[in-house]
Amino acid sequence: MAGVSSHFDHLTGRTVMGQQVLALGYATEETFLPLDNQIYISSKKIQEQATDFYVLQNLIK
């Protein structure tokens, strides 16, 4: 699958292949308001992607 890399999964306690999404947002005790996000691809076991990821923020700009 394109855009995946190796990262440590703290829930399972082992290294897995997958996508990591970094989210920036405003958090309160009641809610989380996302302001921006980005897919993070580490340098370990990279599966190259053929094209760029398109997200709503990129289409609006």
C-alpha atoms as a PDB file:
ATOM      1  CA  MET A   1       0.000   0.000   0.000  1.00  0.00           C
ATOM      2  CA  ALA A   2       1.356   3.399  -0.916  1.00  0.00           C
ATOM      3  CA  GLY A   3       2.352   5.872   1.777  1.00  0.00           C
ATOM      4  CA  VAL A   4       2.917   3.382   4.607  1.00  0.00           C
ATOM      5  CA  SER A   5       6.032   2.930   6.700  1.00  0.00           C
ATOM      6  CA  SER A   6       7.186   1.075   9.781  1.00  0.00           C
ATOM      7  CA  HIS A   7       6.341   2.570  13.185  1.00  0.00           C
ATOM      8  CA  PHE A   8       5.993   1.436  16.805  1.00  0.00           C
ATOM      9  CA  ASP A   9       2.398   0.783  17.905  1.00  0.00           C
ATOM     10  CA  HIS A  10       2.175   1.570  21.620  1.00  0.00           C
ATOM     11  CA  LEU A  11      -1.167  -0.239  21.975  1.00  0.00           C
ATOM     12  CA  THR A  12       0.181  -3.590  20.775  1.00  0.00           C
ATOM     13  CA  GLY A  13       3.784  -3.065  21.893  1.00  0.00           C
ATOM     14  CA  ARG A  14       5.319  -4.002  18.537  1.00  0.00           C
ATOM     15  CA  THR A  15       6.456  -2.505  15.246  1.00  0.00           C
ATOM     16  CA  VAL A  16       3.789  -2.433  12.533  1.00  0.00           C
ATOM     17  CA  MET A  17       3.363  -1.175   8.965  1.00  0.00           C
ATOM     18  CA  GLY A  18       0.777   1.570   8.514  1.00  0.00           C
ATOM     19  CA  GLN A  19      -0.002   5.235   8.064  1.00  0.00           C
ATOM     20  CA  GLN A  20       0.540   7.802  10.782  1.00  0.00           C
ATOM     21  CA  VAL A  21      -1.578  10.944  10.867  1.00  0.00           C
ATOM     22  CA  LEU A  22      -0.330  13.910  12.863  1.00  0.00           C
ATOM     23  CA  ALA A  23      -3.203  16.190  13.918  1.00  0.00           C
ATOM     24  CA  LEU A  24      -3.030  19.738  15.255  1.00  0.00           C
ATOM     25  CA  GLY A  25      -6.081  20.988  17.045  1.00  0.00           C
ATOM     26  CA  TYR A  26      -7.696  22.890  19.889  1.00  0.00           C
ATOM     27  CA  ALA A  27      -8.682  20.578  22.737  1.00  0.00           C
ATOM     28  CA  THR A  28     -10.955  21.135  25.699  1.00  0.00           C
ATOM     29  CA  GLU A  29     -12.384  18.643  28.173  1.00  0.00           C
ATOM     30  CA  GLU A  30     -15.538  18.375  26.041  1.00  0.00           C
ATOM     31  CA  THR A  31     -14.279  18.455  22.451  1.00  0.00           C
ATOM     32  CA  PHE A  32     -11.408  18.454  19.978  1.00  0.00           C
ATOM     33  CA  LEU A  33     -11.432  20.928  17.075  1.00  0.00           C
ATOM     34  CA  PRO A  34      -8.991  19.818  14.341  1.00  0.00           C
ATOM     35  CA  LEU A  35      -7.086  22.704  12.727  1.00  0.00           C
ATOM     36  CA  ASP A  36      -4.658  20.834  10.469  1.00  0.00           C
ATOM     37  CA  ASN A  37      -3.381  17.325   9.787  1.00  0.00           C
ATOM     38  CA  GLN A  38      -0.624  15.670   7.819  1.00  0.00           C
ATOM     39  CA  ILE A  39       0.326  12.118   6.951  1.00  0.00           C
ATOM     40  CA  TYR A  40       3.753  11.332   8.386  1.00  0.00           C
ATOM     41  CA  ILE A  41       5.939   8.798   6.573  1.00  0.00           C
ATOM     42  CA  SER A  42       9.041   7.710   8.494  1.00  0.00           C
ATOM     43  CA  SER A  43      12.314   6.716   6.841  1.00  0.00           C
ATOM     44  CA  LYS A  44      11.984   3.035   7.899  1.00  0.00           C
ATOM     45  CA  LYS A  45      10.665   0.494   5.359  1.00  0.00           C
ATOM     46  CA  ILE A  46       8.985   3.113   3.162  1.00  0.00           C
ATOM     47  CA  GLN A  47       6.396   1.990   0.608  1.00  0.00           C
ATOM     48  CA  GLU A  48       6.626   4.707  -2.052  1.00  0.00           C
ATOM     49  CA  GLN A  49       3.464   6.449  -3.142  1.00  0.00           C
ATOM     50  CA  ALA A  50       2.739   7.049  -6.830  1.00  0.00           C
ATOM     51  CA  THR A  51       0.969  10.400  -6.349  1.00  0.00           C
ATOM     52  CA  ASP A  52       0.544  12.993  -3.619  1.00  0.00           C
ATOM     53  CA  PHE A  53      -2.156  12.578  -1.017  1.00  0.00           C
ATOM     54  CA  TYR A  54      -5.039  14.966  -1.528  1.00  0.00           C
ATOM     55  CA  VAL A  55      -6.917  16.242   1.465  1.00  0.00           C
ATOM     56  CA  LEU A  56      -9.641  18.856   1.739  1.00  0.00           C
ATOM     57  CA  GLN A  57      -7.206  21.542   2.942  1.00  0.00           C
ATOM     58  CA  ASN A  58      -5.118  21.139  -0.240  1.00  0.00           C
ATOM     59  CA  LEU A  59      -8.170  21.515  -2.467  1.00  0.00           C
ATOM     60  CA  ILE A  60      -9.317  24.729  -0.746  1.00  0.00           C
ATOM     61  CA  LYS A  61      -5.972  26.562  -1.087  1.00  0.00           C
END
